[in-house]
Amino acid sequence: MRKFFVAAAVAAAALFASASSAEAAFQVTLWVNAASVTIQDGGPGDDDLSLNGEVHLTQTLSGYTFKLALATNNSPGGSISFLTQGTDEIFGTGAATIRIVASADGFTAPTGSLNAFSAATSQLLPGTTAGNSADASFDAYLQNGGSVVTDVPVGTLIGHGGPVHIVAPLGNISGTDVRQVFATSPYALTLQLKAVLNNENGGLNRIDLDGGVELSPVPVPAGLVLALTGMPALGIGAWIRRRRASVSA
């Protein structure tokens, strides 16, 4: 069941999306306590060196190393997705508040009354010192007429989950939020994934954070309904394997 909710969200996006939002700005800001670094799509720190709606990065900040792959997609007239992909890992030592703030702008469709679906999964990975814990949460924001940002809160809160307490070695949570929102062109989306690493027993912390937010016309398209119910026909597992293969290539 790990990553089910996020897999459902991104599988739904794959059903409807056919073009990337290359014309929109897209960036991710990594936070460890008060320290931060921002990587822009196609800019320094983006390992794929392409302006393609994806950011692949390996960055060390204040003793924690982030290995992440994130993407944004804008398919006019269909759905919009904004997500992290399923190969994330963050590791280091010591108590810390870890945040990933991913932000994209320039979205022009769909607009009007929309359903906002947001989701996240958080897992303490093998290698985390037994008994160490984390409090994980996510937040999604919509900014009509807005632009990319490096921190939250900003705009209208359209999704929230947590904090939920997870403990190594079996710590793993998933959560979703669905709300009705109103969007005008152009708009920006921002997603924050957050984990407070408590480090009760010292040693290493390894955590995987994944999430997504998607706006779809009201009523919810039938394909999205199927995705959210986890129908095997959607091939969610195969989608994740393809994304992992593309990140590893």
Protein backbone atom coordinates (compact mmCIF):
# COMPACT_ATOMS: atom_id res chain seq x y z
CA MET A 1 0.00 0.00 0.00
CA ARG A 2 3.04 2.30 0.27
CA LYS A 3 2.71 5.33 -1.98
CA PHE A 4 -0.81 4.23 -3.01
CA PHE A 5 -2.45 7.62 -2.67
CA VAL A 6 0.34 9.49 -4.45
CA ALA A 7 0.51 6.79 -7.12
CA ALA A 8 -3.21 7.20 -7.69
CA ALA A 9 -2.86 10.94 -8.10
CA VAL A 10 0.02 10.77 -10.53
CA ALA A 11 -1.55 7.90 -12.46
CA ALA A 12 -4.63 10.06 -12.97
CA ALA A 13 -2.41 12.86 -14.21
CA ALA A 14 -0.78 10.49 -16.68
CA LEU A 15 -4.21 9.57 -18.05
CA PHE A 16 -5.14 13.13 -18.97
CA ALA A 17 -1.82 14.96 -19.49
CA SER A 18 -0.19 15.18 -22.90
CA ALA A 19 2.04 18.25 -22.70
CA SER A 20 4.45 19.60 -20.12
CA SER A 21 4.30 23.12 -18.80
CA ALA A 22 7.69 24.05 -20.24
CA GLU A 23 6.57 27.65 -20.60
CA ALA A 24 5.90 27.94 -16.86
CA ALA A 25 8.46 28.56 -14.16
CA PHE A 26 9.12 25.58 -11.89
CA GLN A 27 11.42 25.37 -8.88
CA VAL A 28 12.03 23.50 -5.65
CA THR A 29 13.34 24.97 -2.39
CA LEU A 30 14.94 22.66 0.17
CA TRP A 31 14.82 23.65 3.82
CA VAL A 32 16.70 22.27 6.84
CA ASN A 33 15.63 24.31 9.82
CA ALA A 34 16.33 27.94 8.76
CA ALA A 35 18.79 27.09 5.96
CA SER A 36 17.54 26.83 2.38
CA VAL A 37 18.61 26.40 -1.24
CA THR A 38 16.46 26.89 -4.37
CA ILE A 39 16.90 24.93 -7.62
CA GLN A 40 15.11 26.08 -10.77
CA ASP A 41 14.09 23.86 -13.66
CA GLY A 42 17.01 23.87 -16.11
CA GLY A 43 19.20 25.93 -13.77
CA PRO A 44 22.24 25.18 -11.60
CA GLY A 45 21.60 22.16 -9.43
CA ASP A 46 19.06 20.60 -11.82
CA ASP A 47 20.91 17.40 -12.72
CA ASP A 48 19.13 16.78 -16.03
CA LEU A 49 20.25 20.24 -17.28
CA SER A 50 17.01 20.66 -19.24
CA LEU A 51 14.10 23.10 -19.10
CA ASN A 52 11.53 20.29 -19.24
CA GLY A 53 9.15 20.65 -16.30
CA GLU A 54 11.30 18.35 -14.15
CA VAL A 55 13.92 18.95 -11.46
CA HIS A 56 16.33 16.14 -10.58
CA LEU A 57 18.71 17.02 -7.78
CA THR A 58 21.26 15.81 -5.26
CA GLN A 59 21.97 18.50 -2.68
CA THR A 60 23.48 18.53 0.81
CA LEU A 61 22.25 21.19 3.22
CA SER A 62 23.06 21.54 6.93
CA GLY A 63 24.11 17.90 7.26
CA TYR A 64 21.19 16.39 5.31
CA THR A 65 21.44 15.10 1.74
CA PHE A 66 18.44 15.29 -0.59
CA LYS A 67 18.09 12.99 -3.61
CA LEU A 68 14.88 14.06 -5.32
CA ALA A 69 13.01 14.04 -8.61
CA LEU A 70 10.02 16.35 -9.06
CA ALA A 71 7.79 17.28 -12.00
CA THR A 72 5.00 19.60 -13.07
CA ASN A 73 2.51 19.15 -15.91
CA ASN A 74 -0.08 21.41 -17.52
CA SER A 75 -2.41 19.92 -20.11
CA PRO A 76 -4.92 22.63 -21.12
CA GLY A 77 -8.51 21.47 -20.94
CA GLY A 78 -7.61 18.40 -18.91
CA SER A 79 -5.97 18.08 -15.54
CA ILE A 80 -2.97 19.72 -13.94
CA SER A 81 -0.59 17.73 -11.79
CA PHE A 82 2.31 18.81 -9.65
CA LEU A 83 4.13 16.03 -7.92
CA THR A 84 7.19 14.38 -6.52
CA GLN A 85 8.23 11.11 -8.11
CA GLY A 86 8.76 7.86 -6.25
CA THR A 87 12.52 7.74 -5.78
CA ASP A 88 13.03 10.36 -3.10
CA GLU A 89 15.44 9.96 -0.22
CA ILE A 90 16.63 12.38 2.44
CA PHE A 91 19.26 11.27 4.93
CA GLY A 92 21.45 12.73 7.68
CA THR A 93 21.95 12.85 11.44
CA GLY A 94 20.53 14.97 14.21
CA ALA A 95 17.12 16.44 14.96
CA ALA A 96 15.92 18.71 12.15
CA THR A 97 12.87 20.15 10.43
CA ILE A 98 13.01 19.09 6.78
CA ARG A 99 10.84 20.79 4.15
CA ILE A 100 10.47 20.51 0.38
CA VAL A 101 8.65 23.49 -1.15
CA ALA A 102 7.96 22.94 -4.85
CA SER A 103 6.30 25.74 -6.83
CA ALA A 104 5.13 26.25 -10.42
CA ASP A 105 3.28 29.06 -12.19
CA GLY A 106 1.83 29.98 -15.58
CA PHE A 107 -1.10 27.54 -15.42
CA THR A 108 -3.91 28.68 -17.72
CA ALA A 109 -6.39 25.76 -17.79
CA PRO A 110 -8.58 24.37 -16.42
CA THR A 111 -10.18 27.34 -14.67
CA GLY A 112 -13.39 28.07 -12.81
CA SER A 113 -14.77 25.67 -10.20
CA LEU A 114 -12.32 22.81 -9.85
CA ASN A 115 -11.62 19.84 -7.63
CA ALA A 116 -8.24 20.02 -5.90
CA PHE A 117 -6.82 16.61 -5.00
CA SER A 118 -3.66 16.53 -2.88
CA ALA A 119 -1.87 13.57 -1.33
CA ALA A 120 1.36 12.56 0.35
CA THR A 121 3.18 9.54 1.70
CA SER A 122 6.03 9.56 4.23
CA GLN A 123 8.22 6.65 5.26
CA LEU A 124 11.22 6.18 7.51
CA LEU A 125 13.48 3.97 5.39
CA PRO A 126 15.67 1.01 6.45
CA GLY A 127 18.87 2.31 7.99
CA THR A 128 17.06 4.78 10.23
CA THR A 129 18.07 4.14 13.85
CA ALA A 130 15.34 2.08 15.52
CA GLY A 131 13.06 4.21 17.67
CA ASN A 132 13.77 7.46 15.85
CA SER A 133 10.57 9.18 14.78
CA ALA A 134 9.21 11.90 12.53
CA ASP A 135 6.09 14.05 12.38
CA ALA A 136 5.09 14.36 8.71
CA SER A 137 2.62 16.67 6.99
CA PHE A 138 1.80 18.28 3.65
CA ASP A 139 0.23 21.54 2.45
CA ALA A 140 -0.94 22.63 -1.02
CA TYR A 141 -1.64 26.20 -2.13
CA LEU A 142 -3.29 27.95 -5.09
CA GLN A 143 -2.38 31.54 -6.06
CA ASN A 144 -4.57 33.15 -8.69
CA GLY A 145 -2.31 35.53 -10.60
CA GLY A 146 0.63 34.35 -8.50
CA SER A 147 4.19 33.30 -9.21
CA VAL A 148 6.66 30.75 -7.88
CA VAL A 149 7.66 31.07 -4.22
CA THR A 150 10.30 29.65 -1.91
CA ASP A 151 8.22 29.32 1.26
CA VAL A 152 4.66 28.92 2.53
CA PRO A 153 1.98 29.89 3.48
CA VAL A 154 1.03 31.73 0.31
CA GLY A 155 -2.26 32.15 -1.55
CA THR A 156 -5.20 29.89 -0.69
CA LEU A 157 -4.71 26.64 1.21
CA ILE A 158 -6.26 23.92 -0.98
CA GLY A 159 -4.94 20.80 0.74
CA HIS A 160 -3.52 19.73 4.09
CA GLY A 161 -2.66 16.54 5.95
CA GLY A 162 -0.96 15.74 9.24
CA PRO A 163 1.15 16.04 11.19
CA VAL A 164 1.17 12.29 11.74
CA HIS A 165 3.72 10.58 13.99
CA ILE A 166 5.77 7.76 12.43
CA VAL A 167 8.42 5.64 14.15
CA ALA A 168 11.27 3.54 12.69
CA PRO A 169 11.51 0.81 11.54
CA LEU A 170 7.86 0.57 10.46
CA GLY A 171 6.95 4.22 10.11
CA ASN A 172 4.83 4.79 7.00
CA ILE A 173 1.81 7.07 6.45
CA SER A 174 -0.41 8.12 3.56
CA GLY A 175 -2.99 10.88 3.45
CA THR A 176 -5.26 12.71 1.02
CA ASP A 177 -7.37 15.86 0.87
CA VAL A 178 -10.03 16.81 -1.70
CA ARG A 179 -11.50 20.34 -1.85
CA GLN A 180 -13.43 22.48 -4.32
CA VAL A 181 -11.56 25.61 -5.40
CA PHE A 182 -11.88 28.43 -7.91
CA ALA A 183 -9.01 29.19 -10.30
CA THR A 184 -8.51 32.07 -12.73
CA SER A 185 -5.87 32.23 -15.46
CA PRO A 186 -2.96 32.36 -14.86
CA TYR A 187 -2.34 30.74 -11.50
CA ALA A 188 0.42 29.11 -9.50
CA LEU A 189 0.55 25.94 -7.41
CA THR A 190 2.81 25.28 -4.44
CA LEU A 191 3.26 22.04 -2.52
CA GLN A 192 5.11 21.63 0.78
CA LEU A 193 6.19 18.26 2.18
CA LYS A 194 7.41 18.52 5.77
CA ALA A 195 9.00 16.16 8.30
CA VAL A 196 10.15 17.01 11.81
CA LEU A 197 12.89 14.46 12.54
CA ASN A 198 13.04 13.92 16.29
CA ASN A 199 16.17 11.69 16.42
CA GLU A 200 15.41 10.30 19.89
CA ASN A 201 18.08 7.57 19.72
CA GLY A 202 20.73 9.37 17.67
CA GLY A 203 22.31 7.79 14.61
CA LEU A 204 21.04 8.02 11.05
CA ASN A 205 17.69 9.23 9.74
CA ARG A 206 16.51 8.21 6.25
CA ILE A 207 13.11 9.42 5.07
CA ASP A 208 11.15 9.25 1.84
CA LEU A 209 8.64 12.04 1.14
CA ASP A 210 6.32 11.94 -1.87
CA GLY A 211 3.30 14.04 -2.73
CA GLY A 212 1.17 15.64 -5.38
CA VAL A 213 -1.59 18.14 -6.05
CA GLU A 214 -3.90 18.06 -9.07
CA LEU A 215 -6.70 20.33 -10.25
CA SER A 216 -9.46 18.78 -12.33
CA PRO A 217 -12.76 20.10 -13.71
CA VAL A 218 -15.95 19.53 -11.74
CA PRO A 219 -17.33 16.87 -11.85
CA VAL A 220 -14.30 14.62 -11.35
CA PRO A 221 -13.38 12.85 -14.61
CA ALA A 222 -14.20 9.14 -14.60
CA GLY A 223 -10.53 8.23 -15.01
CA LEU A 224 -9.63 10.13 -11.87
CA VAL A 225 -12.35 8.33 -9.93
CA LEU A 226 -10.88 5.00 -11.01
CA ALA A 227 -7.40 6.12 -10.02
CA LEU A 228 -8.52 7.14 -6.56
CA THR A 229 -10.17 3.77 -6.01
CA GLY A 230 -6.92 2.01 -6.87
CA MET A 231 -8.27 -0.03 -9.78
CA PRO A 232 -5.52 -2.47 -10.94
CA ALA A 233 -6.36 -1.72 -14.59
CA LEU A 234 -4.66 1.64 -14.25
CA GLY A 235 -1.27 -0.03 -13.99
CA ILE A 236 -0.15 2.21 -11.13
CA GLY A 237 2.75 -0.07 -10.26
CA ALA A 238 3.98 -0.09 -13.85
CA TRP A 239 3.78 3.72 -13.95
CA ILE A 240 5.97 4.02 -10.85
CA ARG A 241 8.49 1.55 -12.29
CA ARG A 242 8.69 3.58 -15.53
CA ARG A 243 9.22 6.81 -13.57
CA ARG A 244 11.96 5.20 -11.46
CA ALA A 245 13.65 3.90 -14.59
CA SER A 246 13.58 7.38 -16.17
CA VAL A 247 15.07 8.96 -13.06
CA SER A 248 17.82 6.33 -12.86
CA ALA A 249 18.72 6.64 -16.56
